[in-house]
Protein backbone atom coordinates (compact mmCIF):
# COMPACT_ATOMS: atom_id res chain seq x y z
CA UNK A 1 39.54 140.79 149.80
CA UNK A 2 38.33 141.67 153.29
CA UNK A 3 38.72 139.39 156.31
CA UNK A 4 35.11 138.06 156.13
CA UNK A 5 35.41 137.34 152.40
CA UNK A 6 38.68 135.49 153.03
CA UNK A 7 37.04 133.36 155.72
CA UNK A 8 34.06 132.65 153.44
CA UNK A 9 36.41 131.64 150.63
CA UNK A 10 38.30 129.30 152.95
CA UNK A 11 35.07 127.69 154.20
CA UNK A 12 33.72 127.45 150.64
CA UNK A 13 36.88 125.79 149.38
CA UNK A 14 36.58 123.27 152.23
CA UNK A 15 32.95 122.48 151.30
CA UNK A 16 33.72 121.95 147.62
CA UNK A 17 36.91 120.01 148.35
CA UNK A 18 34.93 117.62 150.55
CA UNK A 19 32.16 117.40 147.95
CA UNK A 20 34.58 116.50 145.15
CA UNK A 21 36.85 114.40 147.35
CA UNK A 22 39.99 116.44 146.68
CA UNK A 23 42.34 118.49 148.83
CA UNK A 24 41.65 122.17 149.48
CA UNK A 25 44.85 122.98 147.56
CA UNK A 26 43.60 121.10 144.47
CA UNK A 27 40.07 122.49 144.52
CA UNK A 28 40.43 126.01 143.04
CA UNK A 29 42.08 124.86 139.81
CA UNK A 30 39.89 121.77 139.46
CA UNK A 31 36.70 123.77 139.98
CA UNK A 32 37.81 126.61 137.70
CA UNK A 33 38.61 124.09 134.96
CA UNK A 34 35.14 122.58 135.41
CA UNK A 35 32.95 125.71 135.47
CA UNK A 36 35.21 128.69 134.73
CA UNK A 37 37.06 130.97 137.14
CA UNK A 38 34.31 133.55 137.63
CA UNK A 39 31.56 131.04 138.38
CA UNK A 40 33.88 129.01 140.61
CA UNK A 41 34.82 132.06 142.67
CA UNK A 42 31.17 133.02 143.24
CA UNK A 43 30.12 129.45 144.03
CA UNK A 44 32.97 129.10 146.53
CA UNK A 45 31.95 132.34 148.24
CA UNK A 46 28.33 131.16 148.43
CA UNK A 47 29.37 127.79 149.86
CA UNK A 48 31.36 129.63 152.53
CA UNK A 49 28.23 131.40 153.73
CA UNK A 50 25.57 130.39 156.23
CA UNK A 51 23.75 127.81 154.08
CA UNK A 52 26.61 125.34 154.47
CA UNK A 53 27.71 126.33 157.97
CA UNK A 54 24.64 127.20 160.01
CA UNK A 55 24.26 124.62 162.79
CA UNK A 56 20.47 124.57 162.25
CA UNK A 57 21.14 121.86 159.62
CA UNK A 58 23.58 118.99 159.90
CA UNK A 59 25.40 117.51 156.89
CA UNK A 60 22.88 114.67 156.60
CA UNK A 61 19.96 117.12 156.41
CA UNK A 62 21.84 119.26 153.89
CA UNK A 63 22.46 116.18 151.76
CA UNK A 64 18.76 115.30 151.78
CA UNK A 65 17.85 118.86 150.79
CA UNK A 66 20.45 119.02 148.01
CA UNK A 67 19.57 115.62 146.59
CA UNK A 68 15.88 116.51 146.69
CA UNK A 69 16.55 119.69 144.72
CA UNK A 70 18.78 117.91 142.19
CA UNK A 71 16.29 115.09 141.67
CA UNK A 72 13.37 117.50 141.31
CA UNK A 73 15.08 119.46 138.54
CA UNK A 74 16.29 116.31 136.79
CA UNK A 75 20.03 116.49 137.45
CA UNK A 76 21.81 113.26 136.53
CA UNK A 77 25.26 111.84 136.02
CA UNK A 78 28.34 113.16 137.79
CA UNK A 79 26.46 116.09 139.31
CA UNK A 80 24.10 113.70 141.06
CA UNK A 81 26.64 111.01 141.94
CA UNK A 82 29.01 113.57 143.47
CA UNK A 83 26.25 114.49 145.93
CA UNK A 84 25.29 110.84 146.44
CA UNK A 85 28.85 110.16 147.58
CA UNK A 86 28.67 113.18 149.90
CA UNK A 87 25.33 111.91 151.26
CA UNK A 88 26.85 108.51 152.04
CA UNK A 89 29.70 110.21 153.89
CA UNK A 90 27.03 112.16 155.82
CA UNK A 91 25.35 108.94 156.94
CA UNK A 92 22.67 108.22 154.34
CA UNK A 93 22.44 104.69 153.00
CA UNK A 94 20.78 103.05 150.01
CA UNK A 95 17.45 102.29 151.74
CA UNK A 96 17.12 105.91 152.91
CA UNK A 97 17.83 107.26 149.43
CA UNK A 98 15.42 104.78 147.85
CA UNK A 99 12.69 105.91 150.25
CA UNK A 100 13.52 109.52 149.36
CA UNK A 101 12.89 108.82 145.67
CA UNK A 102 9.60 107.06 146.45
CA UNK A 103 8.47 109.99 148.58
CA UNK A 104 9.49 112.49 145.91
CA UNK A 105 7.66 110.52 143.23
CA UNK A 106 4.41 111.36 145.02
CA UNK A 107 5.12 115.09 144.68
CA UNK A 108 7.18 115.55 141.50
CA UNK A 109 6.24 112.52 139.44
CA UNK A 110 7.55 109.10 138.70
CA UNK A 111 9.16 109.98 135.38
CA UNK A 112 11.71 112.28 137.01
CA UNK A 113 12.27 110.27 140.17
CA UNK A 114 12.59 106.92 138.38
CA UNK A 115 15.65 108.29 136.59
CA UNK A 116 17.14 109.24 139.96
CA UNK A 117 16.18 105.86 141.43
CA UNK A 118 18.07 104.17 138.60
CA UNK A 119 21.14 106.36 139.19
CA UNK A 120 21.01 105.66 142.94
CA UNK A 121 20.74 101.92 142.28
CA UNK A 122 23.73 102.01 139.91
CA UNK A 123 25.70 104.21 142.31
CA UNK A 124 25.32 101.68 145.11
CA UNK A 125 26.17 98.78 142.80
CA UNK A 126 29.44 100.56 141.94
CA UNK A 127 29.93 101.62 145.58
CA UNK A 128 29.50 98.04 146.85
CA UNK A 129 31.75 96.75 144.09
CA UNK A 130 34.49 99.24 144.95
CA UNK A 131 34.23 98.39 148.66
CA UNK A 132 34.65 94.69 147.87
CA UNK A 133 37.62 95.57 145.64
CA UNK A 134 39.19 97.75 148.36
CA UNK A 135 38.80 94.97 150.94
CA UNK A 136 40.70 92.50 148.72
């Protein structure tokens, strides 16, 4: 592994660790178990590249772009909620994400975006519930 590839791997591990809410040390095994070692290694390298680190986009903008893509192709469940949690950490709130689904419904259709709207609604119900639980 050359120096640039090592730096990309380190940056990619940091991106995925933050996305999944785990430590950088835990990430490689967790991700390999989830998608296989080969795919994980390539995905980590890609995440260490300019798409995740170019200052032309901030984390909030990246979250909007990623959620838009996931919603448009119909991704649901853990894959969507993982990025919803990342979006919240990047500064997006429930009203912003609800407006995003309304906007997307005009371009990709209500059938697909209504599923995402339901997942977003449930995510924030659980999120609010866990915050109340943590405050107790």
